[in-house]
PDB file of N, CA and C in Angstrom:
ATOM      1  N   MET A   1      -1.097 -21.515 -19.002  1.00  0.00           N
ATOM      2  CA  MET A   1      -0.747 -21.524 -20.211  1.00  0.00           C
ATOM      3  C   MET A   1       0.915 -22.593 -20.396  1.00  0.00           C
ATOM      4  N   SER A   2       0.676 -23.159 -21.684  1.00  0.00           N
ATOM      5  CA  SER A   2       1.816 -24.079 -21.919  1.00  0.00           C
ATOM      6  C   SER A   2       2.876 -23.634 -22.603  1.00  0.00           C
ATOM      7  N   ASP A   3       3.847 -24.092 -22.678  1.00  0.00           N
ATOM      8  CA  ASP A   3       5.357 -23.298 -23.269  1.00  0.00           C
ATOM      9  C   ASP A   3       4.980 -23.287 -24.643  1.00  0.00           C
ATOM     10  N   ILE A   4       4.230 -24.025 -25.353  1.00  0.00           N
ATOM     11  CA  ILE A   4       3.754 -23.958 -26.839  1.00  0.00           C
ATOM     12  C   ILE A   4       2.891 -23.082 -27.548  1.00  0.00           C
ATOM     13  N   GLU A   5       1.878 -22.756 -26.289  1.00  0.00           N
ATOM     14  CA  GLU A   5       1.088 -21.426 -26.450  1.00  0.00           C
ATOM     15  C   GLU A   5       1.949 -20.117 -26.526  1.00  0.00           C
ATOM     16  N   ASP A   6       3.163 -20.197 -25.720  1.00  0.00           N
ATOM     17  CA  ASP A   6       3.567 -18.781 -25.962  1.00  0.00           C
ATOM     18  C   ASP A   6       4.637 -18.599 -27.001  1.00  0.00           C
ATOM     19  N   VAL A   7       4.921 -19.611 -27.630  1.00  0.00           N
ATOM     20  CA  VAL A   7       5.551 -19.645 -29.057  1.00  0.00           C
ATOM     21  C   VAL A   7       4.867 -19.267 -30.339  1.00  0.00           C
ATOM     22  N   LEU A   8       3.779 -20.168 -30.121  1.00  0.00           N
ATOM     23  CA  LEU A   8       2.738 -19.916 -31.507  1.00  0.00           C
ATOM     24  C   LEU A   8       2.495 -18.541 -31.507  1.00  0.00           C
ATOM     25  N   PRO A   9       2.385 -17.599 -32.550  1.00  0.00           N
ATOM     26  CA  PRO A   9       1.708 -16.243 -32.727  1.00  0.00           C
ATOM     27  C   PRO A   9       0.167 -16.446 -32.742  1.00  0.00           C
ATOM     28  N   GLN A  10      -0.604 -15.394 -31.886  1.00  0.00           N
ATOM     29  CA  GLN A  10      -2.003 -15.434 -31.697  1.00  0.00           C
ATOM     30  C   GLN A  10      -2.688 -15.103 -33.274  1.00  0.00           C
ATOM     31  N   PRO A  11      -3.545 -15.805 -33.536  1.00  0.00           N
ATOM     32  CA  PRO A  11      -4.533 -15.506 -34.928  1.00  0.00           C
ATOM     33  C   PRO A  11      -4.884 -14.406 -35.001  1.00  0.00           C
ATOM     34  N   ASP A  12      -4.963 -13.762 -36.125  1.00  0.00           N
ATOM     35  CA  ASP A  12      -5.576 -12.213 -36.181  1.00  0.00           C
ATOM     36  C   ASP A  12      -6.869 -12.529 -37.088  1.00  0.00           C
ATOM     37  N   PRO A  13      -7.761 -11.970 -36.678  1.00  0.00           N
ATOM     38  CA  PRO A  13      -9.235 -11.686 -37.432  1.00  0.00           C
ATOM     39  C   PRO A  13      -9.199 -10.883 -38.604  1.00  0.00           C
ATOM     40  N   CYS A  14      -9.890 -11.552 -39.635  1.00  0.00           N
ATOM     41  CA  CYS A  14      -9.619 -10.709 -40.795  1.00  0.00           C
ATOM     42  C   CYS A  14     -10.271  -9.349 -40.802  1.00  0.00           C
ATOM     43  N   ASN A  15      -9.689  -8.419 -41.347  1.00  0.00           N
ATOM     44  CA  ASN A  15     -10.095  -7.020 -41.383  1.00  0.00           C
ATOM     45  C   ASN A  15     -11.384  -6.521 -42.280  1.00  0.00           C
ATOM     46  N   GLU A  16     -11.301  -7.804 -43.384  1.00  0.00           N
ATOM     47  CA  GLU A  16     -12.392  -7.643 -44.398  1.00  0.00           C
ATOM     48  C   GLU A  16     -13.989  -8.302 -44.055  1.00  0.00           C
ATOM     49  N   CYS A  17     -13.775  -9.428 -43.879  1.00  0.00           N
ATOM     50  CA  CYS A  17     -15.220  -9.893 -43.284  1.00  0.00           C
ATOM     51  C   CYS A  17     -15.732  -9.784 -41.744  1.00  0.00           C
ATOM     52  N   HIS A  18     -14.453  -9.896 -41.010  1.00  0.00           N
ATOM     53  CA  HIS A  18     -14.571 -10.134 -39.722  1.00  0.00           C
ATOM     54  C   HIS A  18     -15.108 -11.590 -38.915  1.00  0.00           C
ATOM     55  N   ALA A  19     -15.221 -12.435 -39.885  1.00  0.00           N
ATOM     56  CA  ALA A  19     -15.457 -13.614 -39.600  1.00  0.00           C
ATOM     57  C   ALA A  19     -14.337 -14.685 -39.601  1.00  0.00           C
ATOM     58  N   GLY A  20     -13.525 -14.423 -40.536  1.00  0.00           N
ATOM     59  CA  GLY A  20     -12.313 -15.487 -40.799  1.00  0.00           C
ATOM     60  C   GLY A  20     -11.050 -15.138 -40.091  1.00  0.00           C
ATOM     61  N   ILE A  21     -10.383 -16.082 -39.732  1.00  0.00           N
ATOM     62  CA  ILE A  21      -9.059 -16.009 -39.071  1.00  0.00           C
ATOM     63  C   ILE A  21      -7.800 -15.698 -39.974  1.00  0.00           C
ATOM     64  N   MET A  22      -6.995 -15.044 -40.060  1.00  0.00           N
ATOM     65  CA  MET A  22      -5.553 -14.841 -40.952  1.00  0.00           C
ATOM     66  C   MET A  22      -4.749 -15.900 -40.751  1.00  0.00           C
ATOM     67  N   GLN A  23      -4.638 -16.694 -41.767  1.00  0.00           N
ATOM     68  CA  GLN A  23      -3.753 -17.815 -41.423  1.00  0.00           C
ATOM     69  C   GLN A  23      -2.489 -17.650 -42.396  1.00  0.00           C
ATOM     70  N   PRO A  24      -1.421 -18.266 -42.038  1.00  0.00           N
ATOM     71  CA  PRO A  24       0.217 -18.137 -42.711  1.00  0.00           C
ATOM     72  C   PRO A  24       0.221 -19.292 -43.904  1.00  0.00           C
ATOM     73  N   ARG A  25       0.354 -18.411 -44.982  1.00  0.00           N
ATOM     74  CA  ARG A  25       0.537 -19.525 -46.019  1.00  0.00           C
ATOM     75  C   ARG A  25       1.759 -19.145 -47.089  1.00  0.00           C
ATOM     76  N   GLN A  26       2.098 -19.844 -47.892  1.00  0.00           N
ATOM     77  CA  GLN A  26       3.180 -19.189 -48.933  1.00  0.00           C
ATOM     78  C   GLN A  26       2.572 -19.772 -50.151  1.00  0.00           C
ATOM     79  N   LEU A  27       2.317 -18.825 -51.023  1.00  0.00           N
ATOM     80  CA  LEU A  27       1.534 -18.518 -52.468  1.00  0.00           C
ATOM     81  C   LEU A  27       2.759 -17.915 -53.459  1.00  0.00           C
ATOM     82  N   THR A  28       2.397 -18.113 -54.669  1.00  0.00           N
ATOM     83  CA  THR A  28       3.213 -17.271 -56.041  1.00  0.00           C
ATOM     84  C   THR A  28       2.692 -15.846 -55.769  1.00  0.00           C
ATOM     85  N   TYR A  29       3.689 -15.255 -55.651  1.00  0.00           N
ATOM     86  CA  TYR A  29       3.300 -13.818 -55.759  1.00  0.00           C
ATOM     87  C   TYR A  29       3.689 -13.123 -57.329  1.00  0.00           C
ATOM     88  N   PHE A  30       2.523 -12.017 -57.777  1.00  0.00           N
ATOM     89  CA  PHE A  30       2.601 -11.661 -59.198  1.00  0.00           C
ATOM     90  C   PHE A  30       2.693 -10.193 -59.011  1.00  0.00           C
ATOM     91  N   THR A  31       3.740  -9.729 -59.906  1.00  0.00           N
ATOM     92  CA  THR A  31       3.849  -7.845 -60.012  1.00  0.00           C
ATOM     93  C   THR A  31       4.465  -7.908 -61.138  1.00  0.00           C
ATOM     94  N   TRP A  32       3.992  -6.836 -61.759  1.00  0.00           N
ATOM     95  CA  TRP A  32       4.602  -6.095 -63.029  1.00  0.00           C
ATOM     96  C   TRP A  32       6.094  -5.535 -62.888  1.00  0.00           C
ATOM     97  N   LEU A  33       6.951  -5.450 -63.415  1.00  0.00           N
ATOM     98  CA  LEU A  33       8.026  -4.747 -63.464  1.00  0.00           C
ATOM     99  C   LEU A  33       8.387  -4.040 -64.983  1.00  0.00           C
ATOM    100  N   GLY A  34       7.902  -2.864 -65.209  1.00  0.00           N
ATOM    101  CA  GLY A  34       7.599  -2.332 -66.375  1.00  0.00           C
ATOM    102  C   GLY A  34       6.540  -3.324 -67.036  1.00  0.00           C
ATOM    103  N   GLU A  35       6.823  -3.603 -68.363  1.00  0.00           N
ATOM    104  CA  GLU A  35       6.052  -4.597 -69.106  1.00  0.00           C
ATOM    105  C   GLU A  35       6.401  -5.811 -69.076  1.00  0.00           C
ATOM    106  N   GLU A  36       7.148  -6.402 -67.943  1.00  0.00           N
ATOM    107  CA  GLU A  36       7.687  -7.783 -67.687  1.00  0.00           C
ATOM    108  C   GLU A  36       6.980  -8.404 -66.556  1.00  0.00           C
ATOM    109  N   LEU A  37       6.347  -9.382 -66.222  1.00  0.00           N
ATOM    110  CA  LEU A  37       5.341 -10.064 -65.269  1.00  0.00           C
ATOM    111  C   LEU A  37       6.568 -10.704 -64.460  1.00  0.00           C
ATOM    112  N   ILE A  38       6.565 -10.497 -63.075  1.00  0.00           N
ATOM    113  CA  ILE A  38       7.313 -11.024 -62.404  1.00  0.00           C
ATOM    114  C   ILE A  38       6.760 -12.140 -61.549  1.00  0.00           C
ATOM    115  N   THR A  39       7.024 -13.549 -61.199  1.00  0.00           N
ATOM    116  CA  THR A  39       6.267 -14.236 -60.330  1.00  0.00           C
ATOM    117  C   THR A  39       7.229 -14.622 -59.367  1.00  0.00           C
ATOM    118  N   VAL A  40       7.288 -14.725 -57.933  1.00  0.00           N
ATOM    119  CA  VAL A  40       8.128 -15.446 -57.150  1.00  0.00           C
ATOM    120  C   VAL A  40       6.988 -16.119 -56.194  1.00  0.00           C
ATOM    121  N   PRO A  41       7.685 -17.471 -56.335  1.00  0.00           N
ATOM    122  CA  PRO A  41       6.891 -18.847 -55.660  1.00  0.00           C
ATOM    123  C   PRO A  41       7.386 -18.523 -54.046  1.00  0.00           C
ATOM    124  N   HIS A  42       6.525 -19.551 -53.756  1.00  0.00           N
ATOM    125  CA  HIS A  42       6.700 -19.458 -52.193  1.00  0.00           C
ATOM    126  C   HIS A  42       6.702 -18.183 -51.344  1.00  0.00           C
ATOM    127  N   PHE A  43       5.795 -17.484 -51.558  1.00  0.00           N
ATOM    128  CA  PHE A  43       5.994 -15.744 -51.013  1.00  0.00           C
ATOM    129  C   PHE A  43       5.179 -15.987 -49.772  1.00  0.00           C
ATOM    130  N   PRO A  44       5.768 -15.855 -48.466  1.00  0.00           N
ATOM    131  CA  PRO A  44       4.814 -15.747 -47.258  1.00  0.00           C
ATOM    132  C   PRO A  44       3.488 -14.551 -47.264  1.00  0.00           C
ATOM    133  N   ALA A  45       2.378 -14.838 -46.851  1.00  0.00           N
ATOM    134  CA  ALA A  45       1.174 -14.050 -46.959  1.00  0.00           C
ATOM    135  C   ALA A  45       0.490 -14.674 -45.924  1.00  0.00           C
ATOM    136  N   TRP A  46      -0.759 -13.963 -45.371  1.00  0.00           N
ATOM    137  CA  TRP A  46      -1.513 -14.103 -44.439  1.00  0.00           C
ATOM    138  C   TRP A  46      -3.009 -14.207 -45.283  1.00  0.00           C
ATOM    139  N   ILE A  47      -3.454 -15.462 -45.409  1.00  0.00           N
ATOM    140  CA  ILE A  47      -4.917 -15.392 -46.106  1.00  0.00           C
ATOM    141  C   ILE A  47      -6.397 -15.760 -45.347  1.00  0.00           C
ATOM    142  N   CYS A  48      -7.432 -15.031 -45.234  1.00  0.00           N
ATOM    143  CA  CYS A  48      -8.259 -15.536 -44.473  1.00  0.00           C
ATOM    144  C   CYS A  48      -9.056 -16.602 -44.918  1.00  0.00           C
ATOM    145  N   ASP A  49      -9.249 -17.388 -43.673  1.00  0.00           N
ATOM    146  CA  ASP A  49      -9.774 -18.854 -44.404  1.00  0.00           C
ATOM    147  C   ASP A  49     -11.330 -18.624 -44.547  1.00  0.00           C
ATOM    148  N   VAL A  50     -11.937 -17.723 -44.326  1.00  0.00           N
ATOM    149  CA  VAL A  50     -13.163 -17.529 -45.071  1.00  0.00           C
ATOM    150  C   VAL A  50     -13.687 -16.628 -46.000  1.00  0.00           C
ATOM    151  N   CYS A  51     -12.915 -15.483 -46.391  1.00  0.00           N
ATOM    152  CA  CYS A  51     -13.351 -14.677 -47.575  1.00  0.00           C
ATOM    153  C   CYS A  51     -12.032 -14.835 -48.590  1.00  0.00           C
ATOM    154  N   GLY A  52     -10.985 -15.290 -48.171  1.00  0.00           N
ATOM    155  CA  GLY A  52      -9.610 -15.543 -48.871  1.00  0.00           C
ATOM    156  C   GLY A  52      -8.756 -14.246 -49.092  1.00  0.00           C
ATOM    157  N   ARG A  53      -9.181 -12.969 -48.501  1.00  0.00           N
ATOM    158  CA  ARG A  53      -8.184 -12.054 -48.316  1.00  0.00           C
ATOM    159  C   ARG A  53      -6.622 -12.069 -47.938  1.00  0.00           C
ATOM    160  N   ARG A  54      -6.185 -11.716 -48.821  1.00  0.00           N
ATOM    161  CA  ARG A  54      -4.416 -11.706 -49.018  1.00  0.00           C
ATOM    162  C   ARG A  54      -3.742 -10.489 -48.298  1.00  0.00           C
ATOM    163  N   GLU A  55      -2.910 -10.727 -47.381  1.00  0.00           N
ATOM    164  CA  GLU A  55      -2.103  -9.734 -46.843  1.00  0.00           C
ATOM    165  C   GLU A  55      -0.744 -10.222 -47.202  1.00  0.00           C
ATOM    166  N   TYR A  56       0.050  -9.635 -47.840  1.00  0.00           N
ATOM    167  CA  TYR A  56       1.687 -10.073 -47.843  1.00  0.00           C
ATOM    168  C   TYR A  56       2.324  -9.753 -46.820  1.00  0.00           C
ATOM    169  N   ASP A  57       3.421 -10.434 -46.533  1.00  0.00           N
ATOM    170  CA  ASP A  57       4.139 -10.195 -45.406  1.00  0.00           C
ATOM    171  C   ASP A  57       4.932  -9.102 -45.748  1.00  0.00           C
ATOM    172  N   GLY A  58       5.090  -7.856 -44.820  1.00  0.00           N
ATOM    173  CA  GLY A  58       5.421  -6.396 -45.237  1.00  0.00           C
ATOM    174  C   GLY A  58       7.052  -6.383 -45.156  1.00  0.00           C
ATOM    175  N   LYS A  59       8.131  -7.499 -44.332  1.00  0.00           N
ATOM    176  CA  LYS A  59       9.122  -7.646 -44.803  1.00  0.00           C
ATOM    177  C   LYS A  59       9.461  -8.391 -46.148  1.00  0.00           C
ATOM    178  N   ALA A  60       8.982  -8.995 -46.381  1.00  0.00           N
ATOM    179  CA  ALA A  60       9.239  -9.825 -47.613  1.00  0.00           C
ATOM    180  C   ALA A  60       9.174  -8.761 -48.661  1.00  0.00           C
ATOM    181  N   ILE A  61       7.704  -7.988 -48.982  1.00  0.00           N
ATOM    182  CA  ILE A  61       7.652  -6.938 -50.135  1.00  0.00           C
ATOM    183  C   ILE A  61       8.713  -5.877 -49.640  1.00  0.00           C
ATOM    184  N   LEU A  62       9.329  -5.813 -48.684  1.00  0.00           N
ATOM    185  CA  LEU A  62      10.759  -4.716 -48.789  1.00  0.00           C
ATOM    186  C   LEU A  62      12.017  -5.394 -49.437  1.00  0.00           C
ATOM    187  N   TRP A  63      11.816  -6.462 -49.220  1.00  0.00           N
ATOM    188  CA  TRP A  63      13.052  -7.258 -49.499  1.00  0.00           C
ATOM    189  C   TRP A  63      13.059  -7.545 -50.972  1.00  0.00           C
ATOM    190  N   LEU A  64      11.751  -7.767 -51.769  1.00  0.00           N
ATOM    191  CA  LEU A  64      11.516  -7.897 -53.136  1.00  0.00           C
ATOM    192  C   LEU A  64      11.744  -6.250 -53.717  1.00  0.00           C
ATOM    193  N   ASN A  65      11.132  -5.337 -53.013  1.00  0.00           N
ATOM    194  CA  ASN A  65      11.390  -4.399 -53.656  1.00  0.00           C
ATOM    195  C   ASN A  65      12.635  -4.021 -53.958  1.00  0.00           C
ATOM    196  N   MET A  66      13.458  -3.974 -52.864  1.00  0.00           N
ATOM    197  CA  MET A  66      15.051  -3.884 -53.003  1.00  0.00           C
ATOM    198  C   MET A  66      15.804  -4.785 -53.908  1.00  0.00           C
ATOM    199  N   ILE A  67      15.272  -5.902 -54.125  1.00  0.00           N
ATOM    200  CA  ILE A  67      16.179  -6.633 -55.194  1.00  0.00           C
ATOM    201  C   ILE A  67      15.493  -6.077 -56.337  1.00  0.00           C
ATOM    202  N   LEU A  68      14.106  -5.900 -56.660  1.00  0.00           N
ATOM    203  CA  LEU A  68      13.761  -5.734 -57.857  1.00  0.00           C
ATOM    204  C   LEU A  68      13.959  -3.896 -58.335  1.00  0.00           C
ATOM    205  N   ASP A  69      14.557  -3.362 -57.700  1.00  0.00           N
ATOM    206  CA  ASP A  69      15.277  -2.031 -57.829  1.00  0.00           C
ATOM    207  C   ASP A  69      15.952  -2.129 -58.684  1.00  0.00           C
ATOM    208  N   PRO A  70      15.445  -1.037 -60.034  1.00  0.00           N
ATOM    209  CA  PRO A  70      16.488  -0.725 -60.993  1.00  0.00           C
ATOM    210  C   PRO A  70      17.799  -0.504 -60.679  1.00  0.00           C
ATOM    211  N   ASN A  71      18.093  -0.269 -59.496  1.00  0.00           N
ATOM    212  CA  ASN A  71      19.647   0.507 -59.368  1.00  0.00           C
ATOM    213  C   ASN A  71      20.521  -0.560 -58.224  1.00  0.00           C
ATOM    214  N   ALA A  72      19.535  -1.552 -58.358  1.00  0.00           N
ATOM    215  CA  ALA A  72      20.269  -2.931 -57.263  1.00  0.00           C
ATOM    216  C   ALA A  72      21.555  -3.183 -58.152  1.00  0.00           C
ATOM    217  N   GLY A  73      22.746  -3.300 -57.172  1.00  0.00           N
ATOM    218  CA  GLY A  73      23.935  -3.649 -57.679  1.00  0.00           C
ATOM    219  C   GLY A  73      24.803  -2.543 -58.320  1.00  0.00           C
ATOM    220  N   LYS A  74      24.434  -1.431 -58.235  1.00  0.00           N
ATOM    221  CA  LYS A  74      25.008  -0.575 -59.043  1.00  0.00           C
ATOM    222  C   LYS A  74      25.960   0.136 -57.873  1.00  0.00           C
ATOM    223  N   PRO A  75      27.013   0.752 -58.309  1.00  0.00           N
ATOM    224  CA  PRO A  75      27.706   1.381 -57.305  1.00  0.00           C
ATOM    225  C   PRO A  75      27.173   2.836 -56.785  1.00  0.00           C
ATOM    226  N   THR A  76      27.225   3.252 -55.406  1.00  0.00           N
ATOM    227  CA  THR A  76      26.414   4.438 -55.363  1.00  0.00           C
ATOM    228  C   THR A  76      27.634   5.507 -55.406  1.00  0.00           C
ATOM    229  N   THR A  77      27.211   6.713 -55.538  1.00  0.00           N
ATOM    230  CA  THR A  77      28.266   7.974 -55.852  1.00  0.00           C
ATOM    231  C   THR A  77      28.099   8.314 -54.105  1.00  0.00           C
ATOM    232  N   ASN A  78      29.664   8.734 -53.563  1.00  0.00           N
ATOM    233  CA  ASN A  78      29.577   9.060 -52.312  1.00  0.00           C
ATOM    234  C   ASN A  78      29.277  10.794 -52.486  1.00  0.00           C
ATOM    235  N   LYS A  79      28.384  11.130 -52.298  1.00  0.00           N
ATOM    236  CA  LYS A  79      27.990  12.744 -52.288  1.00  0.00           C
ATOM    237  C   LYS A  79      27.882  13.079 -50.417  1.00  0.00           C
ATOM    238  N   ARG A  80      28.528  14.041 -50.399  1.00  0.00           N
ATOM    239  CA  ARG A  80      28.617  14.425 -48.919  1.00  0.00           C
ATOM    240  C   ARG A  80      27.658  15.737 -48.828  1.00  0.00           C
ATOM    241  N   ARG A  81      27.255  15.172 -47.785  1.00  0.00           N
ATOM    242  CA  ARG A  81      25.734  16.101 -47.035  1.00  0.00           C
ATOM    243  C   ARG A  81      26.285  17.889 -46.743  1.00  0.00           C
ATOM    244  N   THR A  82      27.238  17.969 -46.198  1.00  0.00           N
ATOM    245  CA  THR A  82      27.929  19.173 -45.484  1.00  0.00           C
ATOM    246  C   THR A  82      29.499  19.376 -46.332  1.00  0.00           C
ATOM    247  N   PRO A  83      29.625  20.788 -46.827  1.00  0.00           N
ATOM    248  CA  PRO A  83      30.884  20.524 -47.061  1.00  0.00           C
ATOM    249  C   PRO A  83      32.206  20.895 -46.578  1.00  0.00           C
ATOM    250  N   PRO A  84      33.338  20.304 -47.146  1.00  0.00           N
ATOM    251  CA  PRO A  84      34.262  19.960 -46.167  1.00  0.00           C
ATOM    252  C   PRO A  84      34.980  21.368 -45.516  1.00  0.00           C
ATOM    253  N   PRO A  85      35.308  21.314 -44.338  1.00  0.00           N
ATOM    254  CA  PRO A  85      36.305  22.636 -43.916  1.00  0.00           C
ATOM    255  C   PRO A  85      37.330  23.050 -44.456  1.00  0.00           C
ATOM    256  N   PRO A  86      37.249  24.507 -44.785  1.00  0.00           N
ATOM    257  CA  PRO A  86      38.025  24.993 -45.776  1.00  0.00           C
ATOM    258  C   PRO A  86      39.716  24.954 -45.392  1.00  0.00           C
ATOM    259  N   ARG A  87      40.148  24.695 -46.541  1.00  0.00           N
ATOM    260  CA  ARG A  87      42.052  24.231 -46.475  1.00  0.00           C
ATOM    261  C   ARG A  87      42.771  25.677 -46.240  1.00  0.00           C
ATOM    262  N   PRO A  88      43.425  25.664 -45.285  1.00  0.00           N
ATOM    263  CA  PRO A  88      44.367  26.758 -45.220  1.00  0.00           C
ATOM    264  C   PRO A  88      45.357  26.780 -46.431  1.00  0.00           C
ATOM    265  N   HIS A  89      45.550  27.999 -46.740  1.00  0.00           N
ATOM    266  CA  HIS A  89      46.274  28.383 -47.993  1.00  0.00           C
ATOM    267  C   HIS A  89      47.519  28.630 -47.630  1.00  0.00           C
ATOM    268  N   ALA A  90      48.784  28.323 -48.335  1.00  0.00           N
ATOM    269  CA  ALA A  90      49.872  28.073 -48.285  1.00  0.00           C
ATOM    270  C   ALA A  90      50.399  29.391 -47.924  1.00  0.00           C
ATOM    271  N   GLY A  91      51.219  29.583 -46.734  1.00  0.00           N
ATOM    272  CA  GLY A  91      52.019  31.022 -46.371  1.00  0.00           C
ATOM    273  C   GLY A  91      51.111  31.567 -45.546  1.00  0.00           C
ATOM    274  N   THR A  92      49.550  31.155 -44.911  1.00  0.00           N
ATOM    275  CA  THR A  92      49.057  31.672 -43.898  1.00  0.00           C
ATOM    276  C   THR A  92      49.266  31.132 -42.621  1.00  0.00           C
ATOM    277  N   PHE A  93      50.254  30.299 -42.547  1.00  0.00           N
ATOM    278  CA  PHE A  93      50.305  29.850 -41.238  1.00  0.00           C
ATOM    279  C   PHE A  93      51.269  30.769 -40.238  1.00  0.00           C
ATOM    280  N   ARG A  94      50.549  30.960 -39.117  1.00  0.00           N
ATOM    281  CA  ARG A  94      51.412  32.251 -38.300  1.00  0.00           C
ATOM    282  C   ARG A  94      51.478  31.379 -36.848  1.00  0.00           C
ATOM    283  N   PRO A  95      52.533  31.470 -36.510  1.00  0.00           N
ATOM    284  CA  PRO A  95      52.521  30.637 -35.188  1.00  0.00           C
ATOM    285  C   PRO A  95      52.257  31.676 -33.904  1.00  0.00           C
ATOM    286  N   ILE A  96      51.889  30.967 -32.941  1.00  0.00           N
ATOM    287  CA  ILE A  96      51.273  31.617 -31.738  1.00  0.00           C
ATOM    288  C   ILE A  96      52.462  31.848 -30.851  1.00  0.00           C
ATOM    289  N   HIS A  97      53.036  32.889 -30.552  1.00  0.00           N
ATOM    290  CA  HIS A  97      53.776  33.008 -29.428  1.00  0.00           C
ATOM    291  C   HIS A  97      53.113  33.232 -28.082  1.00  0.00           C
ATOM    292  N   ASP A  98      53.676  32.638 -27.042  1.00  0.00           N
ATOM    293  CA  ASP A  98      53.321  32.690 -25.481  1.00  0.00           C
ATOM    294  C   ASP A  98      53.945  33.811 -24.948  1.00  0.00           C
ATOM    295  N   SER A  99      53.796  34.862 -24.172  1.00  0.00           N
ATOM    296  CA  SER A  99      54.364  35.504 -23.606  1.00  0.00           C
ATOM    297  C   SER A  99      53.996  35.585 -22.142  1.00  0.00           C
TER     298      SER A  99
END
């Protein structure tokens, strides 16, 4: 095997037609955000060279969902999952004497 074959990803067969090979491409991704159509050019995807099935890159989808999240950019509230330990009340300190 050559060094170039070690670097290139192995082609995946299409899960739809089982005849084609999924090829990496960049295309325009369309999605709806409420009533607004969002388009993302140059979005990474895998497309079958026979039937045209599209599978979008999982990391890119997660990234896009994070950006389109309605709470993106808003400060988060710092909520504690466990309550803080109780604070000692004034006058309850008692020194320990060694005998």
